[in-house]
N, C-alpha and C. Protein backbone atom coordinates (compact mmCIF):
# COMPACT_ATOMS: atom_id res chain seq x y z
N MET A 1 0.82 -1.21 0.00
CA MET A 1 0.00 0.00 0.00
C MET A 1 0.86 1.27 0.00
N ILE A 2 1.90 1.29 0.84
CA ILE A 2 2.76 2.47 0.90
C ILE A 2 3.47 2.69 -0.43
N VAL A 3 3.91 1.58 -1.03
CA VAL A 3 4.59 1.69 -2.34
C VAL A 3 3.61 2.19 -3.39
N ASP A 4 2.37 1.72 -3.35
CA ASP A 4 1.36 2.17 -4.30
C ASP A 4 1.12 3.67 -4.16
N ILE A 5 1.00 4.14 -2.93
CA ILE A 5 0.80 5.57 -2.68
C ILE A 5 1.98 6.38 -3.19
N ALA A 6 3.18 5.85 -3.00
CA ALA A 6 4.38 6.53 -3.48
C ALA A 6 4.37 6.64 -5.01
N ARG A 7 3.91 5.60 -5.67
CA ARG A 7 3.82 5.64 -7.14
C ARG A 7 2.82 6.71 -7.60
N ILE A 8 1.72 6.83 -6.90
CA ILE A 8 0.71 7.83 -7.25
C ILE A 8 1.24 9.24 -7.00
N ILE A 9 1.94 9.42 -5.88
CA ILE A 9 2.54 10.73 -5.58
C ILE A 9 3.59 11.07 -6.63
N LEU A 10 4.37 10.08 -7.04
CA LEU A 10 5.35 10.29 -8.11
C LEU A 10 4.65 10.75 -9.38
N GLY A 11 3.48 10.14 -9.66
CA GLY A 11 2.71 10.57 -10.83
C GLY A 11 2.33 12.03 -10.74
N TYR A 12 1.91 12.47 -9.57
CA TYR A 12 1.55 13.88 -9.39
C TYR A 12 2.77 14.78 -9.57
N LEU A 13 3.89 14.38 -9.01
CA LEU A 13 5.11 15.19 -9.12
C LEU A 13 5.58 15.29 -10.57
N LEU A 14 5.47 14.19 -11.31
CA LEU A 14 5.81 14.22 -12.73
C LEU A 14 4.83 15.12 -13.49
N GLY A 15 3.55 14.99 -13.15
CA GLY A 15 2.53 15.80 -13.81
C GLY A 15 2.70 17.28 -13.56
N SER A 16 3.32 17.62 -12.44
CA SER A 16 3.53 19.04 -12.11
C SER A 16 4.60 19.70 -12.96
N ILE A 17 5.33 18.89 -13.75
CA ILE A 17 6.31 19.46 -14.68
C ILE A 17 5.54 19.97 -15.90
N SER A 18 5.17 21.22 -15.87
CA SER A 18 4.36 21.80 -16.94
C SER A 18 5.22 22.15 -18.14
N GLY A 19 4.92 21.55 -19.29
CA GLY A 19 5.72 21.80 -20.49
C GLY A 19 5.74 23.26 -20.90
N SER A 20 4.58 23.90 -20.91
CA SER A 20 4.50 25.29 -21.37
C SER A 20 5.22 26.24 -20.41
N LEU A 21 5.12 25.96 -19.12
CA LEU A 21 5.74 26.86 -18.15
C LEU A 21 7.25 26.63 -18.07
N LEU A 22 7.66 25.37 -18.23
CA LEU A 22 9.09 25.06 -18.23
C LEU A 22 9.77 25.67 -19.45
N LEU A 23 9.20 25.44 -20.63
CA LEU A 23 9.77 26.02 -21.85
C LEU A 23 9.62 27.53 -21.85
N GLY A 24 8.53 28.00 -21.26
CA GLY A 24 8.32 29.44 -21.18
C GLY A 24 9.40 30.13 -20.35
N ARG A 25 9.83 29.48 -19.29
CA ARG A 25 10.91 30.06 -18.48
C ARG A 25 12.20 30.16 -19.27
N LEU A 26 12.45 29.16 -20.11
CA LEU A 26 13.65 29.20 -20.95
C LEU A 26 13.56 30.34 -21.97
N ARG A 27 12.33 30.66 -22.37
CA ARG A 27 12.12 31.74 -23.34
C ARG A 27 11.91 33.08 -22.65
N GLY A 28 11.70 33.05 -21.35
CA GLY A 28 11.48 34.28 -20.61
C GLY A 28 10.05 34.78 -20.66
N VAL A 29 9.10 33.86 -20.86
CA VAL A 29 7.69 34.26 -20.90
C VAL A 29 6.88 33.33 -19.99
N ASP A 30 5.75 33.82 -19.55
CA ASP A 30 4.79 33.03 -18.79
C ASP A 30 3.48 33.10 -19.56
N ILE A 31 3.11 32.00 -20.24
CA ILE A 31 1.94 32.07 -21.12
C ILE A 31 0.64 32.20 -20.32
N ARG A 32 0.72 32.06 -19.00
CA ARG A 32 -0.46 32.32 -18.18
C ARG A 32 -0.80 33.80 -18.15
N GLN A 33 0.16 34.61 -18.61
CA GLN A 33 -0.07 36.05 -18.71
C GLN A 33 -0.45 36.46 -20.14
N GLN A 34 -0.63 35.47 -21.01
CA GLN A 34 -0.92 35.75 -22.41
C GLN A 34 -2.13 34.95 -22.88
N GLY A 35 -2.76 35.42 -23.94
CA GLY A 35 -3.87 34.70 -24.55
C GLY A 35 -4.98 34.39 -23.57
N SER A 36 -5.36 33.11 -23.49
CA SER A 36 -6.44 32.70 -22.60
C SER A 36 -5.99 32.59 -21.15
N GLY A 37 -4.67 32.64 -20.91
CA GLY A 37 -4.15 32.51 -19.56
C GLY A 37 -3.96 31.07 -19.11
N ASN A 38 -4.25 30.13 -20.02
CA ASN A 38 -4.12 28.72 -19.69
C ASN A 38 -2.73 28.21 -20.05
N ALA A 39 -2.18 27.34 -19.20
CA ALA A 39 -0.83 26.82 -19.45
C ALA A 39 -0.87 25.50 -20.19
N GLY A 40 -1.63 25.44 -21.27
CA GLY A 40 -1.76 24.22 -22.05
C GLY A 40 -1.27 24.39 -23.47
N GLY A 41 -1.37 23.32 -24.24
CA GLY A 41 -0.85 23.34 -25.61
C GLY A 41 -1.57 24.30 -26.53
N THR A 42 -2.89 24.45 -26.37
CA THR A 42 -3.65 25.33 -27.27
C THR A 42 -3.22 26.77 -27.10
N ASN A 43 -3.12 27.24 -25.87
CA ASN A 43 -2.68 28.61 -25.64
C ASN A 43 -1.22 28.79 -26.03
N ALA A 44 -0.42 27.74 -25.86
CA ALA A 44 0.98 27.80 -26.30
C ALA A 44 1.05 28.01 -27.81
N LEU A 45 0.18 27.31 -28.54
CA LEU A 45 0.15 27.45 -29.99
C LEU A 45 -0.28 28.85 -30.40
N ARG A 46 -1.29 29.36 -29.75
CA ARG A 46 -1.80 30.69 -30.09
C ARG A 46 -0.79 31.79 -29.81
N THR A 47 -0.07 31.67 -28.70
CA THR A 47 0.77 32.78 -28.26
C THR A 47 2.25 32.63 -28.61
N GLN A 48 2.72 31.36 -28.78
CA GLN A 48 4.16 31.15 -28.97
C GLN A 48 4.52 30.44 -30.27
N GLY A 49 3.52 29.94 -30.98
CA GLY A 49 3.81 29.31 -32.26
C GLY A 49 3.86 27.80 -32.21
N PRO A 50 3.90 27.16 -33.39
CA PRO A 50 3.77 25.70 -33.47
C PRO A 50 4.93 24.91 -32.87
N TRP A 51 6.17 25.37 -33.01
CA TRP A 51 7.30 24.59 -32.50
C TRP A 51 7.31 24.59 -30.98
N PHE A 52 7.00 25.73 -30.40
CA PHE A 52 6.89 25.81 -28.94
C PHE A 52 5.78 24.88 -28.46
N ALA A 53 4.63 24.94 -29.14
CA ALA A 53 3.48 24.11 -28.77
C ALA A 53 3.81 22.63 -28.89
N LEU A 54 4.58 22.26 -29.93
CA LEU A 54 4.97 20.87 -30.11
C LEU A 54 5.82 20.39 -28.94
N GLY A 55 6.75 21.22 -28.52
CA GLY A 55 7.57 20.88 -27.37
C GLY A 55 6.74 20.71 -26.11
N VAL A 56 5.74 21.56 -25.95
CA VAL A 56 4.84 21.48 -24.80
C VAL A 56 4.09 20.14 -24.81
N VAL A 57 3.55 19.78 -25.96
CA VAL A 57 2.79 18.54 -26.07
C VAL A 57 3.68 17.32 -25.79
N VAL A 58 4.90 17.32 -26.32
CA VAL A 58 5.82 16.20 -26.10
C VAL A 58 6.10 16.03 -24.61
N ILE A 59 6.35 17.13 -23.91
CA ILE A 59 6.64 17.05 -22.47
C ILE A 59 5.40 16.60 -21.70
N ASP A 60 4.25 17.19 -22.02
CA ASP A 60 3.04 16.90 -21.24
C ASP A 60 2.52 15.49 -21.47
N VAL A 61 2.61 15.02 -22.71
CA VAL A 61 2.22 13.64 -22.98
C VAL A 61 3.24 12.67 -22.39
N GLY A 62 4.52 13.01 -22.54
CA GLY A 62 5.58 12.14 -22.07
C GLY A 62 5.59 11.96 -20.56
N LYS A 63 5.35 13.01 -19.82
CA LYS A 63 5.40 12.90 -18.35
C LYS A 63 4.29 11.98 -17.83
N ALA A 64 3.11 12.06 -18.43
CA ALA A 64 2.00 11.21 -18.00
C ALA A 64 2.22 9.76 -18.43
N ALA A 65 2.81 9.58 -19.61
CA ALA A 65 3.15 8.23 -20.06
C ALA A 65 4.14 7.58 -19.10
N LEU A 66 5.13 8.36 -18.68
CA LEU A 66 6.13 7.87 -17.73
C LEU A 66 5.48 7.55 -16.38
N ALA A 67 4.57 8.41 -15.95
CA ALA A 67 3.89 8.19 -14.67
C ALA A 67 3.07 6.90 -14.69
N ALA A 68 2.33 6.69 -15.78
CA ALA A 68 1.50 5.49 -15.89
C ALA A 68 2.36 4.24 -15.96
N TRP A 69 3.45 4.32 -16.73
CA TRP A 69 4.35 3.17 -16.84
C TRP A 69 4.97 2.84 -15.49
N ALA A 70 5.47 3.86 -14.80
CA ALA A 70 6.10 3.64 -13.49
C ALA A 70 5.08 3.15 -12.47
N GLY A 71 3.83 3.58 -12.62
CA GLY A 71 2.80 3.17 -11.68
C GLY A 71 2.57 1.67 -11.68
N GLY A 72 2.56 1.07 -12.85
CA GLY A 72 2.30 -0.36 -12.94
C GLY A 72 3.52 -1.23 -13.03
N CYS A 73 4.68 -0.63 -13.17
CA CYS A 73 5.91 -1.39 -13.39
C CYS A 73 6.26 -2.27 -12.19
N GLY A 74 6.53 -3.54 -12.45
CA GLY A 74 6.99 -4.44 -11.41
C GLY A 74 5.91 -5.05 -10.54
N ILE A 75 4.64 -4.74 -10.83
CA ILE A 75 3.54 -5.32 -10.05
C ILE A 75 3.06 -6.58 -10.76
N ALA A 76 3.11 -7.71 -10.07
CA ALA A 76 2.83 -9.00 -10.71
C ALA A 76 1.35 -9.18 -11.04
N ASP A 77 0.48 -8.78 -10.13
CA ASP A 77 -0.95 -8.95 -10.35
C ASP A 77 -1.44 -7.95 -11.41
N GLU A 78 -2.02 -8.46 -12.48
CA GLU A 78 -2.38 -7.62 -13.62
C GLU A 78 -3.41 -6.55 -13.27
N ARG A 79 -4.45 -6.94 -12.54
CA ARG A 79 -5.49 -5.97 -12.17
C ARG A 79 -4.94 -4.90 -11.23
N HIS A 80 -4.14 -5.34 -10.27
CA HIS A 80 -3.52 -4.40 -9.33
C HIS A 80 -2.62 -3.42 -10.07
N ALA A 81 -1.83 -3.94 -11.00
CA ALA A 81 -0.94 -3.09 -11.78
C ALA A 81 -1.72 -2.06 -12.58
N LEU A 82 -2.84 -2.49 -13.18
CA LEU A 82 -3.66 -1.56 -13.98
C LEU A 82 -4.24 -0.46 -13.12
N VAL A 83 -4.78 -0.82 -11.96
CA VAL A 83 -5.39 0.18 -11.09
C VAL A 83 -4.37 1.20 -10.61
N VAL A 84 -3.20 0.73 -10.17
CA VAL A 84 -2.17 1.65 -9.69
C VAL A 84 -1.66 2.52 -10.83
N ALA A 85 -1.49 1.92 -12.01
CA ALA A 85 -1.04 2.70 -13.17
C ALA A 85 -2.05 3.77 -13.54
N LEU A 86 -3.34 3.44 -13.49
CA LEU A 86 -4.38 4.43 -13.77
C LEU A 86 -4.37 5.55 -12.73
N LEU A 87 -4.19 5.18 -11.47
CA LEU A 87 -4.16 6.20 -10.42
C LEU A 87 -2.92 7.08 -10.54
N ALA A 88 -1.80 6.49 -10.94
CA ALA A 88 -0.59 7.29 -11.17
C ALA A 88 -0.78 8.23 -12.35
N GLY A 89 -1.45 7.72 -13.41
CA GLY A 89 -1.77 8.58 -14.54
C GLY A 89 -2.72 9.69 -14.15
N ALA A 90 -3.69 9.37 -13.28
CA ALA A 90 -4.60 10.39 -12.77
C ALA A 90 -3.84 11.43 -11.96
N GLY A 91 -2.85 10.95 -11.19
CA GLY A 91 -2.01 11.88 -10.44
C GLY A 91 -1.28 12.84 -11.36
N ALA A 92 -0.81 12.32 -12.51
CA ALA A 92 -0.13 13.17 -13.48
C ALA A 92 -1.08 14.21 -14.06
N ALA A 93 -2.33 13.80 -14.33
CA ALA A 93 -3.31 14.74 -14.86
C ALA A 93 -3.64 15.83 -13.84
N ILE A 94 -3.76 15.42 -12.57
CA ILE A 94 -4.02 16.40 -11.52
C ILE A 94 -2.85 17.36 -11.38
N GLY A 95 -1.63 16.81 -11.45
CA GLY A 95 -0.45 17.65 -11.40
C GLY A 95 -0.37 18.61 -12.57
N HIS A 96 -0.83 18.16 -13.73
CA HIS A 96 -0.83 19.02 -14.91
C HIS A 96 -1.76 20.22 -14.71
N VAL A 97 -2.91 19.98 -14.11
CA VAL A 97 -3.89 21.05 -13.91
C VAL A 97 -3.51 21.93 -12.72
N TRP A 98 -3.03 21.29 -11.65
CA TRP A 98 -2.62 22.02 -10.44
C TRP A 98 -1.18 21.68 -10.10
N PRO A 99 -0.21 22.24 -10.85
CA PRO A 99 1.20 21.88 -10.69
C PRO A 99 1.82 22.44 -9.41
N LEU A 100 2.47 21.56 -8.67
CA LEU A 100 3.11 21.94 -7.41
C LEU A 100 4.16 23.02 -7.62
N TYR A 101 4.90 22.93 -8.73
CA TYR A 101 6.06 23.80 -8.93
C TYR A 101 5.69 25.16 -9.54
N PHE A 102 4.44 25.33 -9.93
CA PHE A 102 4.07 26.56 -10.64
C PHE A 102 2.81 27.20 -10.05
N GLY A 103 2.73 27.20 -8.73
CA GLY A 103 1.63 27.90 -8.07
C GLY A 103 0.26 27.28 -8.28
N PHE A 104 0.23 25.99 -8.61
CA PHE A 104 -1.03 25.25 -8.79
C PHE A 104 -1.92 25.85 -9.90
N ARG A 105 -1.29 26.46 -10.89
CA ARG A 105 -2.01 26.99 -12.06
C ARG A 105 -1.39 26.40 -13.32
N GLY A 106 -2.07 25.40 -13.89
CA GLY A 106 -1.53 24.73 -15.06
C GLY A 106 -2.48 24.67 -16.22
N GLY A 107 -2.46 23.52 -16.94
CA GLY A 107 -3.31 23.35 -18.11
C GLY A 107 -4.62 22.68 -17.76
N LYS A 108 -5.20 21.99 -18.75
CA LYS A 108 -6.52 21.40 -18.55
C LYS A 108 -6.51 19.87 -18.55
N GLY A 109 -5.34 19.28 -18.69
CA GLY A 109 -5.20 17.85 -18.42
C GLY A 109 -5.38 16.90 -19.59
N VAL A 110 -5.76 17.39 -20.77
CA VAL A 110 -6.03 16.48 -21.88
C VAL A 110 -4.75 15.79 -22.35
N ALA A 111 -3.66 16.54 -22.46
CA ALA A 111 -2.40 15.94 -22.90
C ALA A 111 -1.94 14.86 -21.93
N ALA A 112 -2.15 15.09 -20.63
CA ALA A 112 -1.77 14.11 -19.63
C ALA A 112 -2.64 12.85 -19.76
N VAL A 113 -3.92 13.03 -20.01
CA VAL A 113 -4.81 11.88 -20.22
C VAL A 113 -4.32 11.06 -21.42
N LEU A 114 -3.99 11.74 -22.49
CA LEU A 114 -3.49 11.05 -23.68
C LEU A 114 -2.20 10.29 -23.40
N GLY A 115 -1.33 10.90 -22.61
CA GLY A 115 -0.06 10.25 -22.29
C GLY A 115 -0.25 8.96 -21.50
N ALA A 116 -1.13 9.01 -20.50
CA ALA A 116 -1.39 7.81 -19.70
C ALA A 116 -2.04 6.73 -20.55
N LEU A 117 -2.99 7.11 -21.39
CA LEU A 117 -3.67 6.13 -22.24
C LEU A 117 -2.74 5.55 -23.29
N LEU A 118 -1.77 6.35 -23.71
CA LEU A 118 -0.82 5.86 -24.72
C LEU A 118 -0.08 4.63 -24.22
N VAL A 119 0.17 4.56 -22.92
CA VAL A 119 0.85 3.41 -22.32
C VAL A 119 -0.14 2.30 -21.99
N LEU A 120 -1.31 2.67 -21.47
CA LEU A 120 -2.23 1.69 -20.90
C LEU A 120 -3.30 1.19 -21.87
N TRP A 121 -3.73 2.05 -22.80
CA TRP A 121 -4.80 1.67 -23.73
C TRP A 121 -4.69 2.52 -25.00
N PRO A 122 -3.77 2.18 -25.91
CA PRO A 122 -3.55 2.98 -27.12
C PRO A 122 -4.80 3.15 -27.97
N VAL A 123 -5.69 2.15 -27.98
CA VAL A 123 -6.92 2.27 -28.75
C VAL A 123 -7.77 3.42 -28.22
N GLY A 124 -7.69 3.67 -26.93
CA GLY A 124 -8.40 4.80 -26.35
C GLY A 124 -7.88 6.12 -26.89
N VAL A 125 -6.56 6.21 -27.07
CA VAL A 125 -5.96 7.41 -27.66
C VAL A 125 -6.48 7.61 -29.08
N LEU A 126 -6.53 6.52 -29.84
CA LEU A 126 -7.02 6.59 -31.22
C LEU A 126 -8.47 7.07 -31.24
N THR A 127 -9.28 6.56 -30.33
CA THR A 127 -10.68 6.98 -30.23
C THR A 127 -10.78 8.48 -29.98
N MET A 128 -10.00 8.96 -29.01
CA MET A 128 -10.03 10.38 -28.68
C MET A 128 -9.58 11.24 -29.85
N LEU A 129 -8.52 10.82 -30.52
CA LEU A 129 -7.99 11.62 -31.63
C LEU A 129 -8.97 11.70 -32.79
N VAL A 130 -9.62 10.57 -33.11
CA VAL A 130 -10.58 10.56 -34.22
C VAL A 130 -11.75 11.49 -33.92
N VAL A 131 -12.30 11.38 -32.71
CA VAL A 131 -13.44 12.23 -32.34
C VAL A 131 -13.02 13.69 -32.28
N ALA A 132 -11.85 13.95 -31.69
CA ALA A 132 -11.38 15.33 -31.57
C ALA A 132 -11.19 15.97 -32.94
N LEU A 133 -10.59 15.21 -33.87
CA LEU A 133 -10.37 15.76 -35.22
C LEU A 133 -11.67 16.03 -35.95
N LEU A 134 -12.63 15.11 -35.80
CA LEU A 134 -13.93 15.31 -36.43
C LEU A 134 -14.61 16.57 -35.90
N VAL A 135 -14.67 16.68 -34.58
CA VAL A 135 -15.34 17.84 -33.97
C VAL A 135 -14.60 19.13 -34.31
N LEU A 136 -13.27 19.09 -34.24
CA LEU A 136 -12.48 20.29 -34.50
C LEU A 136 -12.62 20.77 -35.94
N THR A 137 -12.57 19.84 -36.89
CA THR A 137 -12.65 20.24 -38.30
C THR A 137 -14.07 20.63 -38.71
N ILE A 138 -15.06 20.30 -37.87
CA ILE A 138 -16.43 20.74 -38.15
C ILE A 138 -16.74 22.05 -37.44
N THR A 139 -16.36 22.14 -36.16
CA THR A 139 -16.75 23.31 -35.37
C THR A 139 -15.66 24.36 -35.20
N GLY A 140 -14.40 23.90 -35.17
CA GLY A 140 -13.30 24.83 -34.90
C GLY A 140 -13.07 25.11 -33.43
N TYR A 141 -13.82 24.45 -32.56
CA TYR A 141 -13.70 24.67 -31.12
C TYR A 141 -12.82 23.60 -30.47
N VAL A 142 -11.67 24.00 -29.95
CA VAL A 142 -10.75 23.05 -29.34
C VAL A 142 -11.34 22.49 -28.04
N GLY A 143 -11.91 23.37 -27.22
CA GLY A 143 -12.48 22.92 -25.96
C GLY A 143 -13.58 21.90 -26.15
N LEU A 144 -14.47 22.16 -27.09
CA LEU A 144 -15.56 21.23 -27.37
C LEU A 144 -15.03 19.90 -27.88
N SER A 145 -14.02 19.95 -28.72
CA SER A 145 -13.44 18.70 -29.24
C SER A 145 -12.81 17.89 -28.12
N SER A 146 -12.19 18.56 -27.15
CA SER A 146 -11.59 17.86 -26.01
C SER A 146 -12.65 17.21 -25.14
N ILE A 147 -13.74 17.92 -24.90
CA ILE A 147 -14.82 17.40 -24.06
C ILE A 147 -15.47 16.18 -24.71
N LEU A 148 -15.80 16.29 -25.99
CA LEU A 148 -16.47 15.18 -26.67
C LEU A 148 -15.54 14.00 -26.90
N ALA A 149 -14.27 14.28 -27.14
CA ALA A 149 -13.29 13.19 -27.31
C ALA A 149 -13.16 12.40 -26.02
N SER A 150 -13.14 13.09 -24.89
CA SER A 150 -13.05 12.41 -23.60
C SER A 150 -14.33 11.64 -23.31
N ALA A 151 -15.48 12.21 -23.64
CA ALA A 151 -16.75 11.53 -23.42
C ALA A 151 -16.85 10.26 -24.28
N ALA A 152 -16.20 10.28 -25.44
CA ALA A 152 -16.24 9.12 -26.34
C ALA A 152 -15.55 7.90 -25.72
N LEU A 153 -14.72 8.12 -24.70
CA LEU A 153 -14.08 6.99 -24.04
C LEU A 153 -15.09 6.09 -23.33
N ILE A 154 -16.22 6.65 -22.94
CA ILE A 154 -17.21 5.85 -22.20
C ILE A 154 -17.80 4.76 -23.09
N PRO A 155 -18.40 5.09 -24.25
CA PRO A 155 -18.89 4.00 -25.11
C PRO A 155 -17.76 3.12 -25.62
N ALA A 156 -16.57 3.71 -25.83
CA ALA A 156 -15.43 2.90 -26.28
C ALA A 156 -15.06 1.85 -25.23
N ALA A 157 -15.09 2.24 -23.96
CA ALA A 157 -14.77 1.29 -22.90
C ALA A 157 -15.83 0.19 -22.80
N VAL A 158 -17.09 0.57 -23.00
CA VAL A 158 -18.18 -0.41 -22.95
C VAL A 158 -18.04 -1.42 -24.08
N LEU A 159 -17.65 -0.93 -25.25
CA LEU A 159 -17.64 -1.77 -26.45
C LEU A 159 -16.37 -2.60 -26.61
N TYR A 160 -15.20 -1.99 -26.35
CA TYR A 160 -13.99 -2.74 -26.68
C TYR A 160 -12.79 -2.47 -25.76
N ALA A 161 -13.06 -2.11 -24.52
CA ALA A 161 -11.94 -2.03 -23.58
C ALA A 161 -11.40 -3.44 -23.32
N PRO A 162 -10.13 -3.57 -23.00
CA PRO A 162 -9.53 -4.90 -22.81
C PRO A 162 -10.20 -5.71 -21.71
N GLU A 163 -10.48 -6.94 -22.00
CA GLU A 163 -10.97 -7.87 -20.97
C GLU A 163 -9.75 -8.50 -20.27
N PRO A 164 -9.86 -8.94 -19.05
CA PRO A 164 -11.08 -9.05 -18.23
C PRO A 164 -11.31 -7.85 -17.32
N HIS A 165 -10.68 -6.72 -17.64
CA HIS A 165 -10.74 -5.56 -16.74
C HIS A 165 -11.62 -4.45 -17.31
N ARG A 166 -12.61 -4.82 -18.10
CA ARG A 166 -13.47 -3.80 -18.71
C ARG A 166 -14.17 -2.92 -17.68
N PRO A 167 -14.68 -3.47 -16.56
CA PRO A 167 -15.31 -2.59 -15.56
C PRO A 167 -14.38 -1.49 -15.05
N VAL A 168 -13.10 -1.83 -14.89
CA VAL A 168 -12.12 -0.83 -14.45
C VAL A 168 -12.01 0.27 -15.48
N TRP A 169 -11.94 -0.12 -16.74
CA TRP A 169 -11.83 0.87 -17.82
C TRP A 169 -13.10 1.71 -17.95
N MET A 170 -14.25 1.11 -17.74
CA MET A 170 -15.50 1.87 -17.80
C MET A 170 -15.53 2.93 -16.71
N ALA A 171 -15.11 2.55 -15.51
CA ALA A 171 -15.06 3.52 -14.41
C ALA A 171 -14.05 4.63 -14.72
N ALA A 172 -12.89 4.24 -15.25
CA ALA A 172 -11.85 5.21 -15.59
C ALA A 172 -12.35 6.18 -16.66
N ALA A 173 -13.08 5.67 -17.64
CA ALA A 173 -13.59 6.50 -18.72
C ALA A 173 -14.57 7.56 -18.19
N VAL A 174 -15.43 7.15 -17.27
CA VAL A 174 -16.38 8.09 -16.67
C VAL A 174 -15.64 9.18 -15.90
N VAL A 175 -14.62 8.78 -15.15
CA VAL A 175 -13.84 9.75 -14.38
C VAL A 175 -13.12 10.72 -15.31
N VAL A 176 -12.52 10.21 -16.38
CA VAL A 176 -11.81 11.06 -17.34
C VAL A 176 -12.77 12.06 -17.98
N ALA A 177 -13.94 11.58 -18.41
CA ALA A 177 -14.91 12.46 -19.05
C ALA A 177 -15.35 13.56 -18.09
N GLY A 178 -15.62 13.20 -16.85
CA GLY A 178 -16.03 14.19 -15.86
C GLY A 178 -14.92 15.18 -15.54
N PHE A 179 -13.69 14.68 -15.45
CA PHE A 179 -12.54 15.53 -15.15
C PHE A 179 -12.31 16.55 -16.26
N VAL A 180 -12.34 16.10 -17.50
CA VAL A 180 -12.10 17.01 -18.63
C VAL A 180 -13.25 18.02 -18.76
N LEU A 181 -14.48 17.58 -18.51
CA LEU A 181 -15.60 18.52 -18.53
C LEU A 181 -15.41 19.59 -17.45
N PHE A 182 -14.95 19.18 -16.28
CA PHE A 182 -14.72 20.13 -15.19
C PHE A 182 -13.64 21.13 -15.55
N THR A 183 -12.51 20.66 -16.09
CA THR A 183 -11.42 21.57 -16.41
C THR A 183 -11.76 22.48 -17.59
N HIS A 184 -12.78 22.10 -18.37
CA HIS A 184 -13.20 22.92 -19.51
C HIS A 184 -14.52 23.65 -19.23
N ARG A 185 -14.87 23.80 -17.97
CA ARG A 185 -16.14 24.44 -17.63
C ARG A 185 -16.20 25.88 -18.14
N GLY A 186 -15.05 26.55 -18.17
CA GLY A 186 -15.01 27.91 -18.71
C GLY A 186 -15.32 27.91 -20.20
N ASN A 187 -14.83 26.91 -20.92
CA ASN A 187 -15.13 26.79 -22.35
C ASN A 187 -16.62 26.58 -22.57
N VAL A 188 -17.25 25.77 -21.70
CA VAL A 188 -18.68 25.52 -21.82
C VAL A 188 -19.47 26.81 -21.65
N LEU A 189 -19.08 27.61 -20.66
CA LEU A 189 -19.77 28.88 -20.41
C LEU A 189 -19.60 29.82 -21.59
N ARG A 190 -18.39 29.85 -22.17
CA ARG A 190 -18.16 30.72 -23.33
C ARG A 190 -18.91 30.23 -24.56
N LEU A 191 -19.02 28.91 -24.71
CA LEU A 191 -19.80 28.37 -25.82
C LEU A 191 -21.26 28.80 -25.70
N ARG A 192 -21.79 28.72 -24.50
CA ARG A 192 -23.19 29.11 -24.28
C ARG A 192 -23.38 30.61 -24.52
N ALA A 193 -22.35 31.39 -24.20
CA ALA A 193 -22.44 32.84 -24.38
C ALA A 193 -22.09 33.28 -25.79
N GLY A 194 -21.55 32.34 -26.60
CA GLY A 194 -21.15 32.66 -27.96
C GLY A 194 -19.85 33.43 -28.05
N THR A 195 -19.02 33.33 -27.01
CA THR A 195 -17.76 34.08 -27.00
C THR A 195 -16.53 33.17 -27.06
N GLU A 196 -16.72 31.87 -27.25
CA GLU A 196 -15.60 30.94 -27.32
C GLU A 196 -14.76 31.18 -28.57
N HIS A 197 -13.42 31.15 -28.41
CA HIS A 197 -12.52 31.34 -29.56
C HIS A 197 -12.65 30.16 -30.51
N ARG A 198 -12.71 30.47 -31.80
CA ARG A 198 -12.86 29.43 -32.81
C ARG A 198 -11.70 29.49 -33.79
N PHE A 199 -11.10 28.32 -34.08
CA PHE A 199 -10.05 28.22 -35.09
C PHE A 199 -10.71 28.01 -36.46
N GLU A 200 -10.94 29.08 -37.16
CA GLU A 200 -11.62 28.98 -38.46
C GLU A 200 -10.79 28.21 -39.48
N LYS A 201 -9.48 28.31 -39.40
CA LYS A 201 -8.61 27.68 -40.40
C LYS A 201 -8.71 26.16 -40.40
N VAL A 202 -9.08 25.58 -39.27
CA VAL A 202 -9.13 24.12 -39.20
C VAL A 202 -10.51 23.56 -39.52
N ARG A 203 -11.47 24.40 -39.83
CA ARG A 203 -12.83 23.93 -40.10
C ARG A 203 -12.95 23.40 -41.53
N VAL A 204 -12.13 22.41 -41.82
CA VAL A 204 -12.05 21.87 -43.17
C VAL A 204 -13.35 21.16 -43.56
N LEU A 205 -13.84 20.28 -42.69
CA LEU A 205 -15.06 19.53 -43.01
C LEU A 205 -16.27 20.45 -43.12
N ALA A 206 -16.34 21.45 -42.26
CA ALA A 206 -17.46 22.39 -42.32
C ALA A 206 -17.48 23.13 -43.65
N LYS A 207 -16.30 23.51 -44.12
CA LYS A 207 -16.22 24.22 -45.40
C LYS A 207 -16.57 23.30 -46.56
N LEU A 208 -16.17 22.04 -46.47
CA LEU A 208 -16.52 21.07 -47.52
C LEU A 208 -18.03 20.86 -47.58
N PHE A 209 -18.65 20.73 -46.38
CA PHE A 209 -20.10 20.54 -46.33
C PHE A 209 -20.83 21.75 -46.90
N ASN A 210 -20.35 22.94 -46.52
CA ASN A 210 -20.99 24.16 -47.01
C ASN A 210 -20.83 24.30 -48.51
N HIS A 211 -19.64 23.95 -48.99
CA HIS A 211 -19.38 24.03 -50.44
C HIS A 211 -20.28 23.07 -51.20
N GLY A 212 -20.42 21.85 -50.62
CA GLY A 212 -21.25 20.84 -51.27
C GLY A 212 -22.71 21.24 -51.29
N SER A 213 -23.18 21.88 -50.23
CA SER A 213 -24.59 22.26 -50.17
C SER A 213 -24.93 23.40 -51.12
N HIS A 214 -23.89 24.16 -51.50
CA HIS A 214 -24.12 25.28 -52.43
C HIS A 214 -23.70 24.94 -53.85
N GLY A 215 -23.22 23.66 -54.02
CA GLY A 215 -22.72 23.28 -55.34
C GLY A 215 -23.84 22.90 -56.30
């Protein structure tokens, strides 16, 4: 039990290594003072450009992948290993949103979720990416695509999560969907108010549909 708790705490400490804030310090900027004020990949892209954002994503996905791997490493019982690995990955996501080293003001946790799933359930990552790309290229809303991509994990877990631990994955999917919805609550409010930022350039499918309807 003590070792399991240590693995989860390690996950949180790894998650607290914020890619945008770490790279921002090297550049002499704090992106929490720019754009949306969020220390995540989307705001990094808007305010610092694609290469900076790529570095942010690599760090944020990588730290959660490491946390999930370390969480389950060396545990003989498969179910026990999965549960501890998921909790360590959850710790990384919590650290990403509330980082110990950066005043508990971080990102929204999606990159960390992807990193943990990349190690534990790659098909879940594929599900999230497909849904996110569909929603993003239709609506242009990053926050909405993140929320719906995370929610898609629930039916994915019901339909094809690995056996014999499907109930564990179903519970994890519900927690992930709720967590991402919570961290994106500001996006939901802005969507309702019609003030959410939209990436018009990525609305490829929407433009194709509109073109086809007028053709």
